[in-house]
Amino acid sequence: MATFDDFMKLDIRVGTIINACNFEKAKKPAYKLEIDFGKELGIKKSSAQITDIYKIEDLIGKQILAVVNFPPRQIADFMSEVLVLGTYSKDGVVLITPDIKVENGDKLG
């Protein structure tokens, strides 16, 4: 079982999706995302299997939450640097988002 201390090791931040495109080489349908996490972290890349619910044009400008302190993960020819967070819902993955606009880089706390 995970402990509170385990949870506190995660660095979960708010970022804004600034670019998205289809990830053709992924085994499962996915998008390549570029996410702006503000001055401290800058722009990071992620692969996200969110194609069931989201269209590319709906993602640009959307604020999301992501774990930013996992090691990068190679997916096909792409290096995913952060893990975008979402829930597995009946229609597909739903992104976890702040309900009001906040600063990029804000920490979950």
PDB file of N, CA and C in Angstrom:
ATOM      1  N   MET A   1       0.839  -1.178   0.000  1.00  0.00           N
ATOM      2  CA  MET A   1       0.000   0.000   0.000  1.00  0.00           C
ATOM      3  C   MET A   1       0.890   1.250   0.000  1.00  0.00           C
ATOM      4  N   ALA A   2       0.493   2.241  -0.767  1.00  0.00           N
ATOM      5  CA  ALA A   2       1.230   3.501  -0.821  1.00  0.00           C
ATOM      6  C   ALA A   2       0.988   4.294   0.454  1.00  0.00           C
ATOM      7  N   THR A   3       1.989   5.055   0.834  1.00  0.00           N
ATOM      8  CA  THR A   3       1.868   5.900   2.021  1.00  0.00           C
ATOM      9  C   THR A   3       1.766   7.361   1.600  1.00  0.00           C
ATOM     10  N   PHE A   4       1.419   8.207   2.559  1.00  0.00           N
ATOM     11  CA  PHE A   4       1.373   9.643   2.293  1.00  0.00           C
ATOM     12  C   PHE A   4       2.746  10.145   1.851  1.00  0.00           C
ATOM     13  N   ASP A   5       3.801   9.610   2.456  1.00  0.00           N
ATOM     14  CA  ASP A   5       5.161  10.001   2.064  1.00  0.00           C
ATOM     15  C   ASP A   5       5.443   9.639   0.604  1.00  0.00           C
ATOM     16  N   ASP A   6       4.914   8.490   0.148  1.00  0.00           N
ATOM     17  CA  ASP A   6       5.059   8.116  -1.267  1.00  0.00           C
ATOM     18  C   ASP A   6       4.397   9.163  -2.156  1.00  0.00           C
ATOM     19  N   PHE A   7       3.185   9.574  -1.794  1.00  0.00           N
ATOM     20  CA  PHE A   7       2.465  10.581  -2.569  1.00  0.00           C
ATOM     21  C   PHE A   7       3.236  11.898  -2.616  1.00  0.00           C
ATOM     22  N   MET A   8       3.825  12.274  -1.514  1.00  0.00           N
ATOM     23  CA  MET A   8       4.541  13.548  -1.436  1.00  0.00           C
ATOM     24  C   MET A   8       5.801  13.564  -2.310  1.00  0.00           C
ATOM     25  N   LYS A   9       6.283  12.412  -2.720  1.00  0.00           N
ATOM     26  CA  LYS A   9       7.437  12.341  -3.615  1.00  0.00           C
ATOM     27  C   LYS A   9       7.085  12.762  -5.039  1.00  0.00           C
ATOM     28  N   LEU A  10       5.793  12.720  -5.383  1.00  0.00           N
ATOM     29  CA  LEU A  10       5.366  13.101  -6.727  1.00  0.00           C
ATOM     30  C   LEU A  10       5.347  14.619  -6.862  1.00  0.00           C
ATOM     31  N   ASP A  11       5.892  15.097  -7.956  1.00  0.00           N
ATOM     32  CA  ASP A  11       5.841  16.530  -8.281  1.00  0.00           C
ATOM     33  C   ASP A  11       4.793  16.687  -9.377  1.00  0.00           C
ATOM     34  N   ILE A  12       3.600  17.118  -8.975  1.00  0.00           N
ATOM     35  CA  ILE A  12       2.479  17.266  -9.901  1.00  0.00           C
ATOM     36  C   ILE A  12       2.266  18.749 -10.134  1.00  0.00           C
ATOM     37  N   ARG A  13       2.327  19.142 -11.413  1.00  0.00           N
ATOM     38  CA  ARG A  13       2.264  20.559 -11.781  1.00  0.00           C
ATOM     39  C   ARG A  13       1.186  20.811 -12.825  1.00  0.00           C
ATOM     40  N   VAL A  14       0.783  22.071 -12.904  1.00  0.00           N
ATOM     41  CA  VAL A  14      -0.144  22.536 -13.939  1.00  0.00           C
ATOM     42  C   VAL A  14       0.664  22.989 -15.146  1.00  0.00           C
ATOM     43  N   GLY A  15       0.201  22.599 -16.320  1.00  0.00           N
ATOM     44  CA  GLY A  15       0.810  23.067 -17.558  1.00  0.00           C
ATOM     45  C   GLY A  15      -0.271  23.334 -18.587  1.00  0.00           C
ATOM     46  N   THR A  16       0.080  24.128 -19.596  1.00  0.00           N
ATOM     47  CA  THR A  16      -0.843  24.430 -20.693  1.00  0.00           C
ATOM     48  C   THR A  16      -0.345  23.768 -21.962  1.00  0.00           C
ATOM     49  N   ILE A  17      -1.230  23.021 -22.616  1.00  0.00           N
ATOM     50  CA  ILE A  17      -0.877  22.370 -23.878  1.00  0.00           C
ATOM     51  C   ILE A  17      -0.731  23.443 -24.945  1.00  0.00           C
ATOM     52  N   ILE A  18       0.452  23.513 -25.550  1.00  0.00           N
ATOM     53  CA  ILE A  18       0.705  24.526 -26.574  1.00  0.00           C
ATOM     54  C   ILE A  18       0.774  23.932 -27.974  1.00  0.00           C
ATOM     55  N   ASN A  19       0.925  22.612 -28.070  1.00  0.00           N
ATOM     56  CA  ASN A  19       0.962  21.951 -29.373  1.00  0.00           C
ATOM     57  C   ASN A  19       0.536  20.510 -29.192  1.00  0.00           C
ATOM     58  N   ALA A  20      -0.140  19.969 -30.197  1.00  0.00           N
ATOM     59  CA  ALA A  20      -0.565  18.571 -30.181  1.00  0.00           C
ATOM     60  C   ALA A  20      -0.626  18.060 -31.610  1.00  0.00           C
ATOM     61  N   CYS A  21      -0.241  16.794 -31.778  1.00  0.00           N
ATOM     62  CA  CYS A  21      -0.335  16.165 -33.101  1.00  0.00           C
ATOM     63  C   CYS A  21      -0.527  14.664 -32.910  1.00  0.00           C
ATOM     64  N   ASN A  22      -0.999  14.002 -33.952  1.00  0.00           N
ATOM     65  CA  ASN A  22      -1.166  12.549 -33.903  1.00  0.00           C
ATOM     66  C   ASN A  22       0.188  11.878 -33.749  1.00  0.00           C
ATOM     67  N   PHE A  23       0.215  10.821 -32.956  1.00  0.00           N
ATOM     68  CA  PHE A  23       1.433  10.041 -32.745  1.00  0.00           C
ATOM     69  C   PHE A  23       1.274   8.765 -33.559  1.00  0.00           C
ATOM     70  N   GLU A  24       1.682   8.847 -34.814  1.00  0.00           N
ATOM     71  CA  GLU A  24       1.471   7.767 -35.778  1.00  0.00           C
ATOM     72  C   GLU A  24       2.179   6.474 -35.389  1.00  0.00           C
ATOM     73  N   LYS A  25       3.344   6.539 -34.750  1.00  0.00           N
ATOM     74  CA  LYS A  25       4.130   5.344 -34.455  1.00  0.00           C
ATOM     75  C   LYS A  25       3.752   4.670 -33.132  1.00  0.00           C
ATOM     76  N   ALA A  26       2.831   5.255 -32.382  1.00  0.00           N
ATOM     77  CA  ALA A  26       2.403   4.646 -31.122  1.00  0.00           C
ATOM     78  C   ALA A  26       1.615   3.367 -31.398  1.00  0.00           C
ATOM     79  N   LYS A  27       1.759   2.365 -30.532  1.00  0.00           N
ATOM     80  CA  LYS A  27       1.028   1.098 -30.697  1.00  0.00           C
ATOM     81  C   LYS A  27      -0.469   1.295 -30.521  1.00  0.00           C
ATOM     82  N   LYS A  28      -0.856   2.157 -29.551  1.00  0.00           N
ATOM     83  CA  LYS A  28      -2.262   2.492 -29.322  1.00  0.00           C
ATOM     84  C   LYS A  28      -2.453   3.948 -29.728  1.00  0.00           C
ATOM     85  N   PRO A  29      -3.651   4.317 -30.203  1.00  0.00           N
ATOM     86  CA  PRO A  29      -3.872   5.707 -30.616  1.00  0.00           C
ATOM     87  C   PRO A  29      -3.463   6.698 -29.521  1.00  0.00           C
ATOM     88  N   ALA A  30      -2.670   7.689 -29.910  1.00  0.00           N
ATOM     89  CA  ALA A  30      -2.166   8.671 -28.944  1.00  0.00           C
ATOM     90  C   ALA A  30      -1.845   9.977 -29.649  1.00  0.00           C
ATOM     91  N   TYR A  31      -1.665  11.010 -28.847  1.00  0.00           N
ATOM     92  CA  TYR A  31      -1.187  12.304 -29.317  1.00  0.00           C
ATOM     93  C   TYR A  31       0.185  12.574 -28.719  1.00  0.00           C
ATOM     94  N   LYS A  32       1.006  13.310 -29.466  1.00  0.00           N
ATOM     95  CA  LYS A  32       2.219  13.913 -28.916  1.00  0.00           C
ATOM     96  C   LYS A  32       1.818  15.305 -28.447  1.00  0.00           C
ATOM     97  N   LEU A  33       2.161  15.622 -27.210  1.00  0.00           N
ATOM     98  CA  LEU A  33       1.814  16.930 -26.647  1.00  0.00           C
ATOM     99  C   LEU A  33       3.065  17.702 -26.288  1.00  0.00           C
ATOM    100  N   GLU A  34       3.025  19.014 -26.470  1.00  0.00           N
ATOM    101  CA  GLU A  34       4.019  19.932 -25.910  1.00  0.00           C
ATOM    102  C   GLU A  34       3.277  20.764 -24.883  1.00  0.00           C
ATOM    103  N   ILE A  35       3.832  20.791 -23.665  1.00  0.00           N
ATOM    104  CA  ILE A  35       3.141  21.417 -22.542  1.00  0.00           C
ATOM    105  C   ILE A  35       4.057  22.439 -21.884  1.00  0.00           C
ATOM    106  N   ASP A  36       3.542  23.648 -21.692  1.00  0.00           N
ATOM    107  CA  ASP A  36       4.296  24.727 -21.049  1.00  0.00           C
ATOM    108  C   ASP A  36       4.047  24.690 -19.549  1.00  0.00           C
ATOM    109  N   PHE A  37       5.112  24.416 -18.784  1.00  0.00           N
ATOM    110  CA  PHE A  37       5.029  24.364 -17.329  1.00  0.00           C
ATOM    111  C   PHE A  37       5.623  25.612 -16.678  1.00  0.00           C
ATOM    112  N   GLY A  38       5.753  26.689 -17.410  1.00  0.00           N
ATOM    113  CA  GLY A  38       6.230  27.942 -16.831  1.00  0.00           C
ATOM    114  C   GLY A  38       7.739  28.068 -16.843  1.00  0.00           C
ATOM    115  N   LYS A  39       8.222  29.159 -16.234  1.00  0.00           N
ATOM    116  CA  LYS A  39       9.649  29.508 -16.294  1.00  0.00           C
ATOM    117  C   LYS A  39      10.560  28.459 -15.661  1.00  0.00           C
ATOM    118  N   GLU A  40      10.158  27.888 -14.531  1.00  0.00           N
ATOM    119  CA  GLU A  40      11.030  26.956 -13.811  1.00  0.00           C
ATOM    120  C   GLU A  40      11.282  25.661 -14.593  1.00  0.00           C
ATOM    121  N   LEU A  41      10.242  25.091 -15.167  1.00  0.00           N
ATOM    122  CA  LEU A  41      10.358  23.800 -15.861  1.00  0.00           C
ATOM    123  C   LEU A  41      10.392  23.917 -17.376  1.00  0.00           C
ATOM    124  N   GLY A  42       9.803  24.960 -17.913  1.00  0.00           N
ATOM    125  CA  GLY A  42       9.791  25.157 -19.358  1.00  0.00           C
ATOM    126  C   GLY A  42       8.800  24.248 -20.067  1.00  0.00           C
ATOM    127  N   ILE A  43       9.099  23.958 -21.319  1.00  0.00           N
ATOM    128  CA  ILE A  43       8.221  23.149 -22.159  1.00  0.00           C
ATOM    129  C   ILE A  43       8.676  21.697 -22.101  1.00  0.00           C
ATOM    130  N   LYS A  44       7.731  20.805 -21.845  1.00  0.00           N
ATOM    131  CA  LYS A  44       7.983  19.364 -21.776  1.00  0.00           C
ATOM    132  C   LYS A  44       7.084  18.650 -22.773  1.00  0.00           C
ATOM    133  N   LYS A  45       7.508  17.444 -23.155  1.00  0.00           N
ATOM    134  CA  LYS A  45       6.758  16.640 -24.113  1.00  0.00           C
ATOM    135  C   LYS A  45       6.129  15.442 -23.424  1.00  0.00           C
ATOM    136  N   SER A  46       4.989  15.007 -23.958  1.00  0.00           N
ATOM    137  CA  SER A  46       4.320  13.831 -23.415  1.00  0.00           C
ATOM    138  C   SER A  46       3.551  13.120 -24.518  1.00  0.00           C
ATOM    139  N   SER A  47       3.460  11.811 -24.382  1.00  0.00           N
ATOM    140  CA  SER A  47       2.576  11.003 -25.214  1.00  0.00           C
ATOM    141  C   SER A  47       1.345  10.704 -24.374  1.00  0.00           C
ATOM    142  N   ALA A  48       0.161  10.926 -24.939  1.00  0.00           N
ATOM    143  CA  ALA A  48      -1.062  10.732 -24.164  1.00  0.00           C
ATOM    144  C   ALA A  48      -2.105   9.990 -24.991  1.00  0.00           C
ATOM    145  N   GLN A  49      -2.627   8.917 -24.421  1.00  0.00           N
ATOM    146  CA  GLN A  49      -3.674   8.128 -25.075  1.00  0.00           C
ATOM    147  C   GLN A  49      -5.034   8.711 -24.713  1.00  0.00           C
ATOM    148  N   ILE A  50      -5.341   9.855 -25.334  1.00  0.00           N
ATOM    149  CA  ILE A  50      -6.562  10.602 -25.015  1.00  0.00           C
ATOM    150  C   ILE A  50      -7.386  10.867 -26.270  1.00  0.00           C
ATOM    151  N   THR A  51      -7.210  10.038 -27.292  1.00  0.00           N
ATOM    152  CA  THR A  51      -7.844  10.288 -28.593  1.00  0.00           C
ATOM    153  C   THR A  51      -9.330   9.943 -28.622  1.00  0.00           C
ATOM    154  N   ASP A  52      -9.832   9.166 -27.664  1.00  0.00           N
ATOM    155  CA  ASP A  52     -11.247   8.796 -27.677  1.00  0.00           C
ATOM    156  C   ASP A  52     -12.150   9.998 -27.435  1.00  0.00           C
ATOM    157  N   ILE A  53     -11.724  10.899 -26.588  1.00  0.00           N
ATOM    158  CA  ILE A  53     -12.579  12.022 -26.193  1.00  0.00           C
ATOM    159  C   ILE A  53     -12.130  13.350 -26.807  1.00  0.00           C
ATOM    160  N   TYR A  54     -10.813  13.543 -26.940  1.00  0.00           N
ATOM    161  CA  TYR A  54     -10.283  14.858 -27.314  1.00  0.00           C
ATOM    162  C   TYR A  54      -9.830  14.905 -28.763  1.00  0.00           C
ATOM    163  N   LYS A  55     -10.162  16.013 -29.418  1.00  0.00           N
ATOM    164  CA  LYS A  55      -9.628  16.327 -30.742  1.00  0.00           C
ATOM    165  C   LYS A  55      -8.450  17.284 -30.538  1.00  0.00           C
ATOM    166  N   ILE A  56      -7.509  17.255 -31.459  1.00  0.00           N
ATOM    167  CA  ILE A  56      -6.315  18.096 -31.340  1.00  0.00           C
ATOM    168  C   ILE A  56      -6.687  19.558 -31.098  1.00  0.00           C
ATOM    169  N   GLU A  57      -7.634  20.058 -31.863  1.00  0.00           N
ATOM    170  CA  GLU A  57      -7.984  21.480 -31.744  1.00  0.00           C
ATOM    171  C   GLU A  57      -8.582  21.818 -30.376  1.00  0.00           C
ATOM    172  N   ASP A  58      -9.146  20.833 -29.680  1.00  0.00           N
ATOM    173  CA  ASP A  58      -9.694  21.075 -28.341  1.00  0.00           C
ATOM    174  C   ASP A  58      -8.613  21.115 -27.264  1.00  0.00           C
ATOM    175  N   LEU A  59      -7.442  20.577 -27.572  1.00  0.00           N
ATOM    176  CA  LEU A  59      -6.376  20.478 -26.578  1.00  0.00           C
ATOM    177  C   LEU A  59      -5.534  21.740 -26.458  1.00  0.00           C
ATOM    178  N   ILE A  60      -5.350  22.461 -27.564  1.00  0.00           N
ATOM    179  CA  ILE A  60      -4.487  23.643 -27.547  1.00  0.00           C
ATOM    180  C   ILE A  60      -5.067  24.682 -26.589  1.00  0.00           C
ATOM    181  N   GLY A  61      -4.244  25.095 -25.626  1.00  0.00           N
ATOM    182  CA  GLY A  61      -4.666  26.086 -24.639  1.00  0.00           C
ATOM    183  C   GLY A  61      -5.273  25.485 -23.380  1.00  0.00           C
ATOM    184  N   LYS A  62      -5.476  24.167 -23.353  1.00  0.00           N
ATOM    185  CA  LYS A  62      -6.073  23.506 -22.195  1.00  0.00           C
ATOM    186  C   LYS A  62      -5.016  23.322 -21.106  1.00  0.00           C
ATOM    187  N   GLN A  63      -5.382  23.673 -19.879  1.00  0.00           N
ATOM    188  CA  GLN A  63      -4.506  23.423 -18.739  1.00  0.00           C
ATOM    189  C   GLN A  63      -4.752  22.014 -18.215  1.00  0.00           C
ATOM    190  N   ILE A  64      -3.669  21.332 -17.865  1.00  0.00           N
ATOM    191  CA  ILE A  64      -3.734  19.951 -17.391  1.00  0.00           C
ATOM    192  C   ILE A  64      -2.834  19.790 -16.172  1.00  0.00           C
ATOM    193  N   LEU A  65      -2.946  18.643 -15.510  1.00  0.00           N
ATOM    194  CA  LEU A  65      -2.037  18.278 -14.430  1.00  0.00           C
ATOM    195  C   LEU A  65      -1.173  17.124 -14.906  1.00  0.00           C
ATOM    196  N   ALA A  66       0.100  17.142 -14.521  1.00  0.00           N
ATOM    197  CA  ALA A  66       1.028  16.091 -14.932  1.00  0.00           C
ATOM    198  C   ALA A  66       2.069  15.862 -13.857  1.00  0.00           C
ATOM    199  N   VAL A  67       2.527  14.608 -13.774  1.00  0.00           N
ATOM    200  CA  VAL A  67       3.668  14.278 -12.924  1.00  0.00           C
ATOM    201  C   VAL A  67       4.913  14.651 -13.720  1.00  0.00           C
ATOM    202  N   VAL A  68       5.755  15.514 -13.142  1.00  0.00           N
ATOM    203  CA  VAL A  68       6.907  16.033 -13.884  1.00  0.00           C
ATOM    204  C   VAL A  68       8.240  15.476 -13.394  1.00  0.00           C
ATOM    205  N   ASN A  69       8.210  14.596 -12.374  1.00  0.00           N
ATOM    206  CA  ASN A  69       9.491  14.093 -11.856  1.00  0.00           C
ATOM    207  C   ASN A  69       9.669  12.577 -12.026  1.00  0.00           C
ATOM    208  N   PHE A  70       8.948  11.980 -12.970  1.00  0.00           N
ATOM    209  CA  PHE A  70       9.260  10.609 -13.376  1.00  0.00           C
ATOM    210  C   PHE A  70      10.394  10.665 -14.391  1.00  0.00           C
ATOM    211  N   PRO A  71      11.190   9.596 -14.516  1.00  0.00           N
ATOM    212  CA  PRO A  71      12.218   9.594 -15.562  1.00  0.00           C
ATOM    213  C   PRO A  71      11.561   9.594 -16.951  1.00  0.00           C
ATOM    214  N   PRO A  72      12.205  10.220 -17.946  1.00  0.00           N
ATOM    215  CA  PRO A  72      11.656  10.183 -19.310  1.00  0.00           C
ATOM    216  C   PRO A  72      11.475   8.748 -19.783  1.00  0.00           C
ATOM    217  N   ARG A  73      10.485   8.550 -20.647  1.00  0.00           N
ATOM    218  CA  ARG A  73      10.175   7.210 -21.150  1.00  0.00           C
ATOM    219  C   ARG A  73      10.124   7.229 -22.674  1.00  0.00           C
ATOM    220  N   GLN A  74      10.880   6.322 -23.277  1.00  0.00           N
ATOM    221  CA  GLN A  74      10.910   6.213 -24.740  1.00  0.00           C
ATOM    222  C   GLN A  74       9.671   5.460 -25.209  1.00  0.00           C
ATOM    223  N   ILE A  75       8.923   6.079 -26.113  1.00  0.00           N
ATOM    224  CA  ILE A  75       7.760   5.447 -26.721  1.00  0.00           C
ATOM    225  C   ILE A  75       7.955   5.563 -28.232  1.00  0.00           C
ATOM    226  N   ALA A  76       8.220   4.422 -28.876  1.00  0.00           N
ATOM    227  CA  ALA A  76       8.605   4.398 -30.296  1.00  0.00           C
ATOM    228  C   ALA A  76       9.812   5.324 -30.465  1.00  0.00           C
ATOM    229  N   ASP A  77       9.705   6.333 -31.333  1.00  0.00           N
ATOM    230  CA  ASP A  77      10.827   7.242 -31.585  1.00  0.00           C
ATOM    231  C   ASP A  77      10.687   8.563 -30.820  1.00  0.00           C
ATOM    232  N   PHE A  78       9.869   8.567 -29.773  1.00  0.00           N
ATOM    233  CA  PHE A  78       9.518   9.788 -29.044  1.00  0.00           C
ATOM    234  C   PHE A  78       9.884   9.632 -27.572  1.00  0.00           C
ATOM    235  N   MET A  79      10.432  10.675 -26.967  1.00  0.00           N
ATOM    236  CA  MET A  79      10.772  10.664 -25.548  1.00  0.00           C
ATOM    237  C   MET A  79       9.693  11.443 -24.783  1.00  0.00           C
ATOM    238  N   SER A  80       8.906  10.714 -23.999  1.00  0.00           N
ATOM    239  CA  SER A  80       7.865  11.319 -23.182  1.00  0.00           C
ATOM    240  C   SER A  80       8.491  11.733 -21.854  1.00  0.00           C
ATOM    241  N   GLU A  81       8.400  13.022 -21.523  1.00  0.00           N
ATOM    242  CA  GLU A  81       9.090  13.577 -20.359  1.00  0.00           C
ATOM    243  C   GLU A  81       8.211  13.708 -19.118  1.00  0.00           C
ATOM    244  N   VAL A  82       6.901  13.766 -19.298  1.00  0.00           N
ATOM    245  CA  VAL A  82       5.974  13.921 -18.174  1.00  0.00           C
ATOM    246  C   VAL A  82       4.785  12.986 -18.369  1.00  0.00           C
ATOM    247  N   LEU A  83       4.101  12.671 -17.269  1.00  0.00           N
ATOM    248  CA  LEU A  83       2.912  11.829 -17.314  1.00  0.00           C
ATOM    249  C   LEU A  83       1.682  12.697 -17.082  1.00  0.00           C
ATOM    250  N   VAL A  84       0.911  12.889 -18.134  1.00  0.00           N
ATOM    251  CA  VAL A  84      -0.328  13.654 -18.047  1.00  0.00           C
ATOM    252  C   VAL A  84      -1.347  12.813 -17.282  1.00  0.00           C
ATOM    253  N   LEU A  85      -2.071  13.446 -16.362  1.00  0.00           N
ATOM    254  CA  LEU A  85      -3.009  12.725 -15.507  1.00  0.00           C
ATOM    255  C   LEU A  85      -4.439  12.791 -16.021  1.00  0.00           C
ATOM    256  N   GLY A  86      -5.120  11.670 -15.911  1.00  0.00           N
ATOM    257  CA  GLY A  86      -6.512  11.589 -16.316  1.00  0.00           C
ATOM    258  C   GLY A  86      -7.193  10.431 -15.630  1.00  0.00           C
ATOM    259  N   THR A  87      -8.494  10.359 -15.786  1.00  0.00           N
ATOM    260  CA  THR A  87      -9.269   9.256 -15.233  1.00  0.00           C
ATOM    261  C   THR A  87      -9.706   8.340 -16.362  1.00  0.00           C
ATOM    262  N   TYR A  88      -9.754   7.048 -16.075  1.00  0.00           N
ATOM    263  CA  TYR A  88     -10.261   6.073 -17.042  1.00  0.00           C
ATOM    264  C   TYR A  88     -11.775   6.042 -16.890  1.00  0.00           C
ATOM    265  N   SER A  89     -12.463   6.694 -17.817  1.00  0.00           N
ATOM    266  CA  SER A  89     -13.915   6.796 -17.764  1.00  0.00           C
ATOM    267  C   SER A  89     -14.532   5.951 -18.872  1.00  0.00           C
ATOM    268  N   LYS A  90     -15.840   5.770 -18.853  1.00  0.00           N
ATOM    269  CA  LYS A  90     -16.488   4.856 -19.790  1.00  0.00           C
ATOM    270  C   LYS A  90     -16.256   5.242 -21.249  1.00  0.00           C
ATOM    271  N   ASP A  91     -16.087   6.519 -21.549  1.00  0.00           N
ATOM    272  CA  ASP A  91     -15.891   6.955 -22.933  1.00  0.00           C
ATOM    273  C   ASP A  91     -14.424   7.134 -23.303  1.00  0.00           C
ATOM    274  N   GLY A  92     -13.512   6.932 -22.355  1.00  0.00           N
ATOM    275  CA  GLY A  92     -12.084   7.116 -22.597  1.00  0.00           C
ATOM    276  C   GLY A  92     -11.456   7.916 -21.479  1.00  0.00           C
ATOM    277  N   VAL A  93     -10.196   8.260 -21.660  1.00  0.00           N
ATOM    278  CA  VAL A  93      -9.463   8.998 -20.628  1.00  0.00           C
ATOM    279  C   VAL A  93      -9.915  10.455 -20.612  1.00  0.00           C
ATOM    280  N   VAL A  94     -10.257  10.943 -19.412  1.00  0.00           N
ATOM    281  CA  VAL A  94     -10.645  12.336 -19.204  1.00  0.00           C
ATOM    282  C   VAL A  94      -9.512  13.023 -18.454  1.00  0.00           C
ATOM    283  N   LEU A  95      -8.995  14.094 -19.021  1.00  0.00           N
ATOM    284  CA  LEU A  95      -7.891  14.827 -18.413  1.00  0.00           C
ATOM    285  C   LEU A  95      -8.304  15.485 -17.102  1.00  0.00           C
ATOM    286  N   ILE A  96      -7.367  15.516 -16.152  1.00  0.00           N
ATOM    287  CA  ILE A  96      -7.580  16.243 -14.904  1.00  0.00           C
ATOM    288  C   ILE A  96      -7.105  17.671 -15.125  1.00  0.00           C
ATOM    289  N   THR A  97      -8.010  18.617 -14.897  1.00  0.00           N
ATOM    290  CA  THR A  97      -7.733  20.025 -15.186  1.00  0.00           C
ATOM    291  C   THR A  97      -8.148  20.899 -14.003  1.00  0.00           C
ATOM    292  N   PRO A  98      -7.473  22.035 -13.820  1.00  0.00           N
ATOM    293  CA  PRO A  98      -7.953  22.983 -12.807  1.00  0.00           C
ATOM    294  C   PRO A  98      -9.288  23.573 -13.277  1.00  0.00           C
ATOM    295  N   ASP A  99     -10.175  23.895 -12.346  1.00  0.00           N
ATOM    296  CA  ASP A  99     -11.477  24.433 -12.764  1.00  0.00           C
ATOM    297  C   ASP A  99     -11.449  25.940 -13.024  1.00  0.00           C
ATOM    298  N   ILE A 100     -10.346  26.602 -12.645  1.00  0.00           N
ATOM    299  CA  ILE A 100     -10.117  27.994 -13.044  1.00  0.00           C
ATOM    300  C   ILE A 100      -8.678  28.097 -13.539  1.00  0.00           C
ATOM    301  N   LYS A 101      -8.411  29.096 -14.376  1.00  0.00           N
ATOM    302  CA  LYS A 101      -7.065  29.267 -14.924  1.00  0.00           C
ATOM    303  C   LYS A 101      -6.097  29.633 -13.804  1.00  0.00           C
ATOM    304  N   VAL A 102      -4.955  28.940 -13.790  1.00  0.00           N
ATOM    305  CA  VAL A 102      -3.906  29.189 -12.800  1.00  0.00           C
ATOM    306  C   VAL A 102      -2.583  29.358 -13.533  1.00  0.00           C
ATOM    307  N   GLU A 103      -1.525  29.639 -12.788  1.00  0.00           N
ATOM    308  CA  GLU A 103      -0.212  29.818 -13.391  1.00  0.00           C
ATOM    309  C   GLU A 103       0.390  28.481 -13.807  1.00  0.00           C
ATOM    310  N   ASN A 104       1.001  28.460 -14.986  1.00  0.00           N
ATOM    311  CA  ASN A 104       1.752  27.273 -15.395  1.00  0.00           C
ATOM    312  C   ASN A 104       2.863  27.028 -14.385  1.00  0.00           C
ATOM    313  N   GLY A 105       3.017  25.773 -13.988  1.00  0.00           N
ATOM    314  CA  GLY A 105       4.030  25.412 -13.012  1.00  0.00           C
ATOM    315  C   GLY A 105       3.515  25.326 -11.604  1.00  0.00           C
ATOM    316  N   ASP A 106       2.270  25.788 -11.353  1.00  0.00           N
ATOM    317  CA  ASP A 106       1.702  25.666 -10.008  1.00  0.00           C
ATOM    318  C   ASP A 106       1.721  24.201  -9.588  1.00  0.00           C
ATOM    319  N   LYS A 107       2.024  23.969  -8.310  1.00  0.00           N
ATOM    320  CA  LYS A 107       2.129  22.610  -7.777  1.00  0.00           C
ATOM    321  C   LYS A 107       0.790  22.173  -7.175  1.00  0.00           C
ATOM    322  N   LEU A 108       0.491  20.889  -7.344  1.00  0.00           N
ATOM    323  CA  LEU A 108      -0.621  20.290  -6.630  1.00  0.00           C
ATOM    324  C   LEU A 108      -0.229  20.228  -5.168  1.00  0.00           C
ATOM    325  N   GLY A 109      -1.088  20.664  -4.301  1.00  0.00           N
ATOM    326  CA  GLY A 109      -0.730  20.670  -2.899  1.00  0.00           C
ATOM    327  C   GLY A 109      -1.912  20.499  -2.005  1.00  0.00           C
TER     328      GLY A 109
END
